[in-house]
Amino acid sequence: MQTVLIVDDDPSHLKIYSWMIERGGFRTVPALVQRNAVDLPEAEKVDLAVLDYRLGGGVSAVDIAKRLRSTYPNTPILLLSDLYGMPEDIAQYVSGFVRKGEPQQLLDTIASTLRAA
């Protein structure tokens, strides 16, 4: 079973996305962003990461994407956002974009990204 890391600053969003992605047949590992940091499970094998774009506190999604790239260099990152398109500041760090509120699109994008990886 492939593992999806979910990075978000809202515990309820982590639960919702974990449930949804697990129903899609994947194993999930949640990572909660708190203030200026996120604890990434560095010993964990991660096949794909889903990263929320709008994070509270003093850390940005770009900061987290850079850290994900450093920790999991060959792991695709999907950006999840309520924006209508890929923000330019993070485009170079991520493999794809999914708009929030489209659960089937998220599952389809996870599956197709993992197949391509």
C-alpha atoms as a PDB file:
ATOM      1  CA  MET A   1       0.000   0.000   0.000  1.00  0.00           C
ATOM      2  CA  GLN A   2       1.401   3.396  -0.987  1.00  0.00           C
ATOM      3  CA  THR A   3       1.848   6.062   1.679  1.00  0.00           C
ATOM      4  CA  VAL A   4       0.626   9.650   1.355  1.00  0.00           C
ATOM      5  CA  LEU A   5       1.961  12.319   3.712  1.00  0.00           C
ATOM      6  CA  ILE A   6      -0.593  15.061   4.380  1.00  0.00           C
ATOM      7  CA  VAL A   7       0.737  18.423   5.576  1.00  0.00           C
ATOM      8  CA  ASP A   8      -1.759  20.972   6.928  1.00  0.00           C
ATOM      9  CA  ASP A   9      -2.117  23.440   9.792  1.00  0.00           C
ATOM     10  CA  ASP A  10      -5.693  22.459  10.633  1.00  0.00           C
ATOM     11  CA  PRO A  11      -6.156  19.219  12.630  1.00  0.00           C
ATOM     12  CA  SER A  12      -9.709  18.753  11.349  1.00  0.00           C
ATOM     13  CA  HIS A  13      -8.515  19.055   7.730  1.00  0.00           C
ATOM     14  CA  LEU A  14      -5.854  16.442   8.435  1.00  0.00           C
ATOM     15  CA  LYS A  15      -8.545  14.062   9.686  1.00  0.00           C
ATOM     16  CA  ILE A  16     -10.861  14.722   6.749  1.00  0.00           C
ATOM     17  CA  TYR A  17      -8.155  14.324   4.109  1.00  0.00           C
ATOM     18  CA  SER A  18      -6.714  11.264   5.857  1.00  0.00           C
ATOM     19  CA  TRP A  19     -10.117   9.597   5.873  1.00  0.00           C
ATOM     20  CA  MET A  20     -10.786  10.485   2.243  1.00  0.00           C
ATOM     21  CA  ILE A  21      -7.379   9.367   0.964  1.00  0.00           C
ATOM     22  CA  GLU A  22      -7.524   6.134   2.984  1.00  0.00           C
ATOM     23  CA  ARG A  23     -10.937   5.404   1.423  1.00  0.00           C
ATOM     24  CA  GLY A  24      -9.148   5.771  -1.912  1.00  0.00           C
ATOM     25  CA  GLY A  25      -6.859   2.876  -1.001  1.00  0.00           C
ATOM     26  CA  PHE A  26      -3.791   4.652   0.329  1.00  0.00           C
ATOM     27  CA  ARG A  27      -2.118   4.714   3.722  1.00  0.00           C
ATOM     28  CA  THR A  28      -1.843   8.218   5.205  1.00  0.00           C
ATOM     29  CA  VAL A  29       0.582   9.913   7.549  1.00  0.00           C
ATOM     30  CA  PRO A  30      -0.605  13.302   8.867  1.00  0.00           C
ATOM     31  CA  ALA A  31       1.864  16.081   9.653  1.00  0.00           C
ATOM     32  CA  LEU A  32       0.482  19.070  11.548  1.00  0.00           C
ATOM     33  CA  VAL A  33       2.068  22.471  10.931  1.00  0.00           C
ATOM     34  CA  GLN A  34       2.249  24.395  14.202  1.00  0.00           C
ATOM     35  CA  ARG A  35       3.462  27.965  14.435  1.00  0.00           C
ATOM     36  CA  ASN A  36       6.842  27.914  12.692  1.00  0.00           C
ATOM     37  CA  ALA A  37       7.422  24.188  12.322  1.00  0.00           C
ATOM     38  CA  VAL A  38       6.197  20.819  11.173  1.00  0.00           C
ATOM     39  CA  ASP A  39       7.378  17.448  12.417  1.00  0.00           C
ATOM     40  CA  LEU A  40       7.999  15.324   9.361  1.00  0.00           C
ATOM     41  CA  PRO A  41       8.250  11.577   9.894  1.00  0.00           C
ATOM     42  CA  GLU A  42      11.743  11.325   8.434  1.00  0.00           C
ATOM     43  CA  ALA A  43      12.054   7.589   9.082  1.00  0.00           C
ATOM     44  CA  GLU A  44       8.786   6.950   7.243  1.00  0.00           C
ATOM     45  CA  LYS A  45       8.754   5.883   3.580  1.00  0.00           C
ATOM     46  CA  VAL A  46       6.559   8.411   1.794  1.00  0.00           C
ATOM     47  CA  ASP A  47       5.403   7.845  -1.790  1.00  0.00           C
ATOM     48  CA  LEU A  48       3.661  11.200  -2.236  1.00  0.00           C
ATOM     49  CA  ALA A  49       3.001  14.346  -0.188  1.00  0.00           C
ATOM     50  CA  VAL A  50      -0.134  16.504  -0.200  1.00  0.00           C
ATOM     51  CA  LEU A  51       0.577  20.041   0.995  1.00  0.00           C
ATOM     52  CA  ASP A  52      -1.954  22.721   1.888  1.00  0.00           C
ATOM     53  CA  TYR A  53      -0.997  26.096   0.413  1.00  0.00           C
ATOM     54  CA  ARG A  54      -2.408  28.465   3.022  1.00  0.00           C
ATOM     55  CA  LEU A  55      -0.718  27.794   6.323  1.00  0.00           C
ATOM     56  CA  GLY A  56      -1.092  29.868   9.471  1.00  0.00           C
ATOM     57  CA  GLY A  57       1.769  31.007  11.614  1.00  0.00           C
ATOM     58  CA  GLY A  58       5.205  32.019  10.477  1.00  0.00           C
ATOM     59  CA  VAL A  59       5.842  29.248   7.975  1.00  0.00           C
ATOM     60  CA  SER A  60       4.832  29.259   4.322  1.00  0.00           C
ATOM     61  CA  ALA A  61       3.938  26.418   1.995  1.00  0.00           C
ATOM     62  CA  VAL A  62       7.091  27.253   0.025  1.00  0.00           C
ATOM     63  CA  ASP A  63       9.177  26.751   3.189  1.00  0.00           C
ATOM     64  CA  ILE A  64       7.496  23.395   3.806  1.00  0.00           C
ATOM     65  CA  ALA A  65       7.861  22.353   0.139  1.00  0.00           C
ATOM     66  CA  LYS A  66      11.609  23.064   0.312  1.00  0.00           C
ATOM     67  CA  ARG A  67      11.850  20.962   3.451  1.00  0.00           C
ATOM     68  CA  LEU A  68       9.848  18.152   1.836  1.00  0.00           C
ATOM     69  CA  ARG A  69      12.208  18.251  -1.163  1.00  0.00           C
ATOM     70  CA  SER A  70      15.175  17.997   1.196  1.00  0.00           C
ATOM     71  CA  THR A  71      13.709  15.216   3.346  1.00  0.00           C
ATOM     72  CA  TYR A  72      12.092  13.196   0.543  1.00  0.00           C
ATOM     73  CA  PRO A  73      14.022  14.212  -2.605  1.00  0.00           C
ATOM     74  CA  ASN A  74      12.260  11.911  -5.089  1.00  0.00           C
ATOM     75  CA  THR A  75       8.756  12.179  -3.656  1.00  0.00           C
ATOM     76  CA  PRO A  76       6.138  14.045  -5.686  1.00  0.00           C
ATOM     77  CA  ILE A  77       4.316  16.859  -3.904  1.00  0.00           C
ATOM     78  CA  LEU A  78       0.732  17.807  -4.721  1.00  0.00           C
ATOM     79  CA  LEU A  79      -0.422  21.262  -3.724  1.00  0.00           C
ATOM     80  CA  LEU A  80      -3.925  21.549  -2.300  1.00  0.00           C
ATOM     81  CA  SER A  81      -5.459  25.023  -2.325  1.00  0.00           C
ATOM     82  CA  ASP A  82      -8.677  26.988  -2.521  1.00  0.00           C
ATOM     83  CA  LEU A  83      -7.070  29.148  -5.234  1.00  0.00           C
ATOM     84  CA  TYR A  84      -8.074  28.583  -8.862  1.00  0.00           C
ATOM     85  CA  GLY A  85      -4.588  27.942 -10.148  1.00  0.00           C
ATOM     86  CA  MET A  86      -1.033  27.105  -9.206  1.00  0.00           C
ATOM     87  CA  PRO A  87       0.651  29.949  -7.290  1.00  0.00           C
ATOM     88  CA  GLU A  88       3.905  30.947  -9.015  1.00  0.00           C
ATOM     89  CA  ASP A  89       5.999  31.014  -5.835  1.00  0.00           C
ATOM     90  CA  ILE A  90       5.634  27.276  -5.236  1.00  0.00           C
ATOM     91  CA  ALA A  91       5.290  25.890  -8.773  1.00  0.00           C
ATOM     92  CA  GLN A  92       8.935  24.805  -9.036  1.00  0.00           C
ATOM     93  CA  TYR A  93       8.662  22.615  -5.927  1.00  0.00           C
ATOM     94  CA  VAL A  94       5.474  20.687  -6.632  1.00  0.00           C
ATOM     95  CA  SER A  95       4.366  18.069  -9.137  1.00  0.00           C
ATOM     96  CA  GLY A  96       0.730  19.066  -9.367  1.00  0.00           C
ATOM     97  CA  PHE A  97      -2.162  21.153  -8.119  1.00  0.00           C
ATOM     98  CA  VAL A  98      -5.642  20.209  -6.891  1.00  0.00           C
ATOM     99  CA  ARG A  99      -8.313  22.666  -5.865  1.00  0.00           C
ATOM    100  CA  LYS A 100      -9.889  22.022  -2.455  1.00  0.00           C
ATOM    101  CA  GLY A 101     -13.411  20.677  -2.459  1.00  0.00           C
ATOM    102  CA  GLU A 102     -12.803  18.200  -5.286  1.00  0.00           C
ATOM    103  CA  PRO A 103     -12.166  14.883  -3.498  1.00  0.00           C
ATOM    104  CA  GLN A 104     -12.394  12.655  -6.573  1.00  0.00           C
ATOM    105  CA  GLN A 105      -9.984  14.910  -8.449  1.00  0.00           C
ATOM    106  CA  LEU A 106      -7.571  14.666  -5.506  1.00  0.00           C
ATOM    107  CA  LEU A 107      -7.742  10.858  -5.493  1.00  0.00           C
ATOM    108  CA  ASP A 108      -7.381  10.693  -9.280  1.00  0.00           C
ATOM    109  CA  THR A 109      -4.396  13.063  -9.207  1.00  0.00           C
ATOM    110  CA  ILE A 110      -2.737  11.087  -6.405  1.00  0.00           C
ATOM    111  CA  ALA A 111      -3.190   7.847  -8.355  1.00  0.00           C
ATOM    112  CA  SER A 112      -1.963   9.245 -11.678  1.00  0.00           C
ATOM    113  CA  THR A 113       1.023  10.998 -10.064  1.00  0.00           C
ATOM    114  CA  LEU A 114       2.059   7.814  -8.295  1.00  0.00           C
ATOM    115  CA  ARG A 115       1.727   5.801 -11.525  1.00  0.00           C
ATOM    116  CA  ALA A 116       3.952   8.313 -13.332  1.00  0.00           C
ATOM    117  CA  ALA A 117       6.579   8.410 -10.551  1.00  0.00           C
END
